[in-house]
């Protein structure tokens, strides 16, 4: 039998989000006194303090940190279940939240949504930008229902559904000294300003497979967290980058930039990541199936060469 009611869990969530009882009370539209009594009741039921008072601020106790970590995984799932139930009761279908990991590319979205409305009219899509930088955590904490991800992101509780094969390419300005080469070697990056969307290396990407094994260090590394901005900077001559060919395919088709193959080629698998416990009949699985079929027919990157 659980010792806390749902109102206690909601209160703990808001206190953690706000940091003070006053702000949490305002969000919950109750008095600070009532909130303080509710917190005291929750701690009494649990048999110990969840927070330590530091003036007006509240700091989690070690036991409280464990409790809140678990709560932050479970509570969003319950909130999502409520939303799905209400939508289905109102015959409004279901809205699934998706993110795109590593590359914030959405040039495919409008065409896909037109197909989705024909094949699964009860499913709507909502894009969650925050998932780009924390894809697995966002998925496991139910902030999103699906993540489109390149590379290898295996983790317990997550299933990867293959979508299509892509390639990592060196993207350079038109007229750049490397633009006329059939392929490049790591040494060609030594004199370049290298643009990257993150300093954190990921398994299966260019740093692990191409740059680090050669012991090469570009002349300068600049972090630009938006893929479209990287492409614009490259087109203007401010640097080069190794990126997903599919993610920058529109810029390549328009001739804004040029793609050159690193070494003998670096393949990159794109997948739809879903929680492993999603039922076969769920809307998430249905969306994954439509995505897989559509990408296999329409989502493959521009041919190399």
Protein backbone atom coordinates (compact mmCIF):
# COMPACT_ATOMS: atom_id res chain seq x y z
CA UNK A 1 0.00 0.00 0.00
CA UNK A 2 1.36 3.42 -0.96
CA UNK A 3 1.81 5.94 1.83
CA UNK A 4 1.48 9.04 -0.35
CA UNK A 5 -1.54 10.20 -2.31
CA UNK A 6 -1.35 11.70 -5.79
CA UNK A 7 -1.68 15.19 -4.31
CA UNK A 8 1.50 14.59 -2.32
CA UNK A 9 3.43 13.51 -5.43
CA UNK A 10 2.21 16.53 -7.38
CA UNK A 11 3.25 18.76 -4.49
CA UNK A 12 6.73 17.23 -4.34
CA UNK A 13 7.10 17.67 -8.09
CA UNK A 14 6.18 21.36 -7.98
CA UNK A 15 8.42 22.06 -4.97
CA UNK A 16 11.36 20.50 -6.83
CA UNK A 17 10.58 22.48 -9.96
CA UNK A 18 10.18 25.81 -8.14
CA UNK A 19 12.73 25.49 -5.35
CA UNK A 20 10.68 27.37 -2.74
CA UNK A 21 7.33 26.76 -1.05
CA UNK A 22 6.11 30.25 -1.99
CA UNK A 23 6.64 29.75 -5.72
CA UNK A 24 5.26 26.21 -5.64
CA UNK A 25 2.14 27.42 -3.81
CA UNK A 26 1.58 30.08 -6.48
CA UNK A 27 1.84 27.50 -9.26
CA UNK A 28 -0.56 25.14 -7.46
CA UNK A 29 -2.95 28.01 -6.61
CA UNK A 30 -3.04 27.20 -2.88
CA UNK A 31 -1.77 29.06 0.14
CA UNK A 32 1.83 28.65 1.28
CA UNK A 33 0.52 27.52 4.67
CA UNK A 34 -1.58 24.77 3.10
CA UNK A 35 1.38 23.63 1.01
CA UNK A 36 3.64 23.59 4.06
CA UNK A 37 1.12 21.41 5.92
CA UNK A 38 0.88 19.06 2.93
CA UNK A 39 4.68 18.69 2.81
CA UNK A 40 4.82 18.02 6.54
CA UNK A 41 2.11 15.38 6.16
CA UNK A 42 4.00 13.68 3.32
CA UNK A 43 7.24 13.59 5.33
CA UNK A 44 5.35 12.24 8.35
CA UNK A 45 3.85 9.44 6.23
CA UNK A 46 7.26 8.61 4.77
CA UNK A 47 8.93 8.64 8.18
CA UNK A 48 11.64 11.17 7.38
CA UNK A 49 12.43 14.50 5.73
CA UNK A 50 12.48 14.84 1.95
CA UNK A 51 13.96 18.35 2.06
CA UNK A 52 16.39 20.25 4.22
CA UNK A 53 15.50 23.89 4.84
CA UNK A 54 18.20 26.42 3.93
CA UNK A 55 16.52 29.73 4.58
CA UNK A 56 13.73 30.05 2.04
CA UNK A 57 15.27 27.43 -0.23
CA UNK A 58 14.71 23.70 0.02
CA UNK A 59 17.47 21.16 -0.63
CA UNK A 60 16.78 17.48 -1.12
CA UNK A 61 18.11 15.07 1.48
CA UNK A 62 20.07 12.05 0.15
CA UNK A 63 16.98 9.86 0.61
CA UNK A 64 14.87 12.60 -0.95
CA UNK A 65 17.05 12.66 -4.05
CA UNK A 66 16.42 8.94 -4.65
CA UNK A 67 12.68 9.43 -4.13
CA UNK A 68 12.49 12.37 -6.53
CA UNK A 69 14.56 10.64 -9.22
CA UNK A 70 12.05 7.81 -9.30
CA UNK A 71 9.10 10.22 -9.16
CA UNK A 72 10.39 12.20 -12.15
CA UNK A 73 10.31 9.03 -14.23
CA UNK A 74 6.88 7.85 -13.11
CA UNK A 75 4.82 11.05 -12.81
CA UNK A 76 5.20 12.16 -16.47
CA UNK A 77 4.07 8.68 -17.54
CA UNK A 78 0.88 9.01 -15.47
CA UNK A 79 0.25 12.52 -16.78
CA UNK A 80 0.71 11.28 -20.33
CA UNK A 81 -1.69 8.38 -19.72
CA UNK A 82 -4.35 10.84 -18.53
CA UNK A 83 -3.90 13.02 -21.62
CA UNK A 84 -4.14 10.02 -23.95
CA UNK A 85 -7.28 8.78 -22.22
CA UNK A 86 -8.99 12.18 -22.43
CA UNK A 87 -8.08 12.55 -26.09
CA UNK A 88 -9.44 9.13 -26.95
CA UNK A 89 -12.65 9.74 -24.98
CA UNK A 90 -13.19 12.94 -26.95
CA UNK A 91 -12.42 11.11 -30.20
CA UNK A 92 -9.62 13.58 -30.86
CA UNK A 93 -7.07 10.88 -31.61
CA UNK A 94 -3.69 11.03 -29.92
CA UNK A 95 -0.81 13.49 -30.10
CA UNK A 96 2.65 11.92 -30.04
CA UNK A 97 5.70 13.97 -29.11
CA UNK A 98 8.84 13.29 -31.09
CA UNK A 99 12.35 14.69 -31.14
CA UNK A 100 15.30 14.45 -33.50
CA UNK A 101 18.61 13.60 -31.81
CA UNK A 102 21.91 15.21 -32.78
CA UNK A 103 20.63 17.05 -35.87
CA UNK A 104 17.68 19.42 -35.73
CA UNK A 105 16.49 18.66 -39.27
CA UNK A 106 12.82 18.84 -40.24
CA UNK A 107 12.86 19.25 -44.02
CA UNK A 108 11.05 15.88 -44.31
CA UNK A 109 8.26 16.69 -41.87
CA UNK A 110 5.59 18.39 -44.01
CA UNK A 111 5.62 15.68 -46.68
CA UNK A 112 5.53 12.92 -44.07
CA UNK A 113 2.66 14.50 -42.14
CA UNK A 114 0.55 14.58 -45.30
CA UNK A 115 1.09 10.82 -45.66
CA UNK A 116 0.47 10.23 -41.93
CA UNK A 117 -2.92 11.95 -42.09
CA UNK A 118 -3.96 9.55 -44.83
CA UNK A 119 -2.64 6.37 -43.24
CA UNK A 120 -3.20 7.16 -39.54
CA UNK A 121 -5.64 10.10 -39.25
CA UNK A 122 -5.95 9.66 -35.50
CA UNK A 123 -2.28 10.47 -34.86
CA UNK A 124 -0.90 14.00 -34.58
CA UNK A 125 2.76 14.93 -34.12
CA UNK A 126 4.24 17.47 -31.72
CA UNK A 127 7.95 18.32 -32.02
CA UNK A 128 10.02 18.64 -28.84
CA UNK A 129 13.25 20.53 -29.50
CA UNK A 130 14.80 19.77 -26.09
CA UNK A 131 15.13 16.11 -27.06
CA UNK A 132 17.91 17.01 -29.51
CA UNK A 133 20.46 17.32 -26.70
CA UNK A 134 19.11 14.69 -24.25
CA UNK A 135 17.32 12.13 -26.43
CA UNK A 136 17.47 9.00 -24.28
CA UNK A 137 16.66 10.80 -21.05
CA UNK A 138 13.75 12.60 -22.70
CA UNK A 139 12.39 9.28 -23.98
CA UNK A 140 12.79 7.35 -20.72
CA UNK A 141 11.23 10.20 -18.71
CA UNK A 142 8.27 10.31 -21.15
CA UNK A 143 8.97 13.88 -22.23
CA UNK A 144 8.77 12.46 -25.76
CA UNK A 145 7.21 9.30 -27.17
CA UNK A 146 9.77 8.74 -29.92
CA UNK A 147 13.20 10.00 -30.98
CA UNK A 148 14.61 9.87 -34.50
CA UNK A 149 18.28 9.18 -33.89
CA UNK A 150 21.40 8.61 -35.96
CA UNK A 151 24.14 6.24 -34.84
CA UNK A 152 24.21 3.77 -31.97
CA UNK A 153 22.14 4.78 -28.92
CA UNK A 154 21.38 1.43 -27.33
CA UNK A 155 20.26 1.59 -23.71
CA UNK A 156 18.15 -0.62 -21.42
CA UNK A 157 14.45 -0.03 -21.88
CA UNK A 158 14.81 1.48 -25.37
CA UNK A 159 14.22 -0.24 -28.71
CA UNK A 160 15.70 1.00 -32.00
CA UNK A 161 13.56 0.52 -35.12
CA UNK A 162 15.72 0.88 -38.26
CA UNK A 163 14.60 3.59 -40.71
CA UNK A 164 17.30 4.12 -43.35
CA UNK A 165 21.05 4.24 -43.95
CA UNK A 166 22.74 7.63 -44.19
CA UNK A 167 26.36 8.81 -44.59
CA UNK A 168 28.61 11.20 -42.72
CA UNK A 169 30.15 13.69 -45.15
CA UNK A 170 32.63 16.54 -44.91
CA UNK A 171 30.64 19.68 -45.76
CA UNK A 172 32.69 22.52 -47.26
CA UNK A 173 31.97 25.84 -49.01
CA UNK A 174 31.63 25.98 -52.78
CA UNK A 175 35.09 26.68 -54.20
CA UNK A 176 36.92 25.38 -51.13
CA UNK A 177 40.27 23.70 -51.76
CA UNK A 178 38.79 20.34 -50.63
CA UNK A 179 35.58 20.63 -52.67
CA UNK A 180 37.12 19.06 -55.77
CA UNK A 181 38.48 15.99 -53.98
CA UNK A 182 36.79 12.61 -54.30
CA UNK A 183 37.61 11.85 -50.67
CA UNK A 184 39.63 13.37 -47.84
CA UNK A 185 41.87 12.04 -45.10
CA UNK A 186 41.95 13.21 -41.46
CA UNK A 187 45.11 15.25 -42.14
CA UNK A 188 43.07 17.57 -44.37
CA UNK A 189 41.28 18.88 -41.27
CA UNK A 190 44.44 20.09 -39.54
CA UNK A 191 44.32 23.55 -41.10
CA UNK A 192 40.54 23.99 -40.86
CA UNK A 193 38.10 25.70 -38.49
CA UNK A 194 35.95 22.70 -37.58
CA UNK A 195 32.31 23.42 -36.69
CA UNK A 196 30.48 20.95 -34.46
CA UNK A 197 27.07 20.94 -32.77
CA UNK A 198 28.49 19.44 -29.56
CA UNK A 199 31.82 18.92 -27.81
CA UNK A 200 30.48 15.62 -26.44
CA UNK A 201 31.59 12.74 -28.64
CA UNK A 202 29.04 10.07 -29.56
CA UNK A 203 29.72 6.43 -30.46
CA UNK A 204 29.68 5.78 -34.19
CA UNK A 205 30.27 9.37 -35.30
CA UNK A 206 33.16 11.07 -37.09
CA UNK A 207 35.40 11.79 -34.09
CA UNK A 208 35.48 8.17 -32.93
CA UNK A 209 35.67 6.61 -36.39
CA UNK A 210 37.70 9.10 -38.43
CA UNK A 211 39.43 11.91 -36.52
CA UNK A 212 40.66 10.38 -33.24
CA UNK A 213 42.23 7.20 -34.75
CA UNK A 214 44.47 9.44 -36.87
CA UNK A 215 45.50 11.59 -33.91
CA UNK A 216 44.42 14.71 -35.81
CA UNK A 217 43.45 17.99 -34.17
CA UNK A 218 41.75 20.66 -36.32
CA UNK A 219 43.28 24.15 -36.16
CA UNK A 220 40.19 25.36 -34.33
CA UNK A 221 36.96 23.77 -33.07
CA UNK A 222 33.84 25.94 -32.77
CA UNK A 223 30.58 24.73 -31.21
CA UNK A 224 27.38 25.76 -33.00
CA UNK A 225 24.35 23.91 -31.61
CA UNK A 226 22.02 24.41 -34.60
CA UNK A 227 22.63 22.38 -37.76
CA UNK A 228 21.12 25.00 -40.09
CA UNK A 229 23.44 27.63 -38.58
CA UNK A 230 26.45 25.37 -39.19
CA UNK A 231 25.47 25.03 -42.85
CA UNK A 232 25.06 28.80 -43.24
CA UNK A 233 28.47 29.43 -41.67
CA UNK A 234 30.08 26.85 -43.94
CA UNK A 235 28.42 28.38 -47.00
CA UNK A 236 29.83 31.76 -45.97
CA UNK A 237 33.35 30.34 -45.64
CA UNK A 238 33.64 30.27 -41.85
CA UNK A 239 34.63 26.62 -41.53
CA UNK A 240 33.91 22.98 -42.40
CA UNK A 241 32.10 20.13 -40.64
CA UNK A 242 31.35 16.42 -40.93
CA UNK A 243 27.58 16.05 -40.84
CA UNK A 244 24.77 13.68 -41.76
CA UNK A 245 24.25 13.94 -45.52
CA UNK A 246 20.50 13.51 -45.05
CA UNK A 247 20.37 16.30 -42.47
CA UNK A 248 21.90 18.80 -44.92
CA UNK A 249 20.45 17.33 -48.13
CA UNK A 250 18.45 20.44 -49.02
CA UNK A 251 21.54 22.65 -48.87
CA UNK A 252 23.40 20.15 -51.06
CA UNK A 253 20.61 20.04 -53.64
CA UNK A 254 20.54 23.86 -53.79
CA UNK A 255 24.31 23.95 -54.26
CA UNK A 256 24.93 26.07 -51.16
CA UNK A 257 27.66 23.70 -49.95
CA UNK A 258 29.60 20.69 -51.22
CA UNK A 259 29.93 17.20 -49.70
CA UNK A 260 33.20 15.25 -49.79
CA UNK A 261 33.52 11.64 -48.61
CA UNK A 262 35.73 11.09 -45.52
CA UNK A 263 38.11 8.19 -46.18
CA UNK A 264 36.30 5.24 -47.74
CA UNK A 265 32.93 6.42 -46.45
CA UNK A 266 31.22 6.53 -43.06
CA UNK A 267 27.77 4.94 -43.02
CA UNK A 268 25.24 6.10 -40.44
CA UNK A 269 22.05 4.24 -39.52
CA UNK A 270 18.97 6.28 -38.55
CA UNK A 271 16.45 4.66 -36.21
CA UNK A 272 13.21 5.45 -34.42
CA UNK A 273 13.81 5.02 -30.69
CA UNK A 274 10.80 3.96 -28.63
CA UNK A 275 10.34 2.64 -25.12
CA UNK A 276 10.63 -1.13 -25.18
CA UNK A 277 7.43 -1.60 -23.16
CA UNK A 278 5.27 0.04 -25.85
CA UNK A 279 2.53 -2.44 -26.81
CA UNK A 280 2.37 -3.70 -30.38
CA UNK A 281 -1.04 -2.07 -30.77
CA UNK A 282 0.02 1.34 -29.42
CA UNK A 283 -0.11 4.56 -31.44
CA UNK A 284 3.67 4.86 -31.00
CA UNK A 285 4.24 1.50 -32.72
CA UNK A 286 1.80 2.50 -35.45
CA UNK A 287 3.70 5.76 -36.03
CA UNK A 288 7.00 3.85 -36.13
CA UNK A 289 5.62 1.57 -38.81
CA UNK A 290 4.44 4.47 -40.99
CA UNK A 291 7.80 6.21 -40.52
CA UNK A 292 9.74 3.09 -41.46
CA UNK A 293 7.75 2.55 -44.66
CA UNK A 294 7.88 6.23 -45.64
CA UNK A 295 11.59 6.70 -44.99
CA UNK A 296 12.49 3.58 -46.90
CA UNK A 297 10.63 5.01 -49.90
CA UNK A 298 11.42 8.70 -49.54
CA UNK A 299 13.91 9.43 -46.79
CA UNK A 300 17.18 8.05 -48.12
CA UNK A 301 19.97 10.62 -48.53
CA UNK A 302 21.25 12.10 -51.76
CA UNK A 303 23.50 9.59 -53.54
CA UNK A 304 27.25 9.87 -53.02
CA UNK A 305 29.35 10.95 -55.94
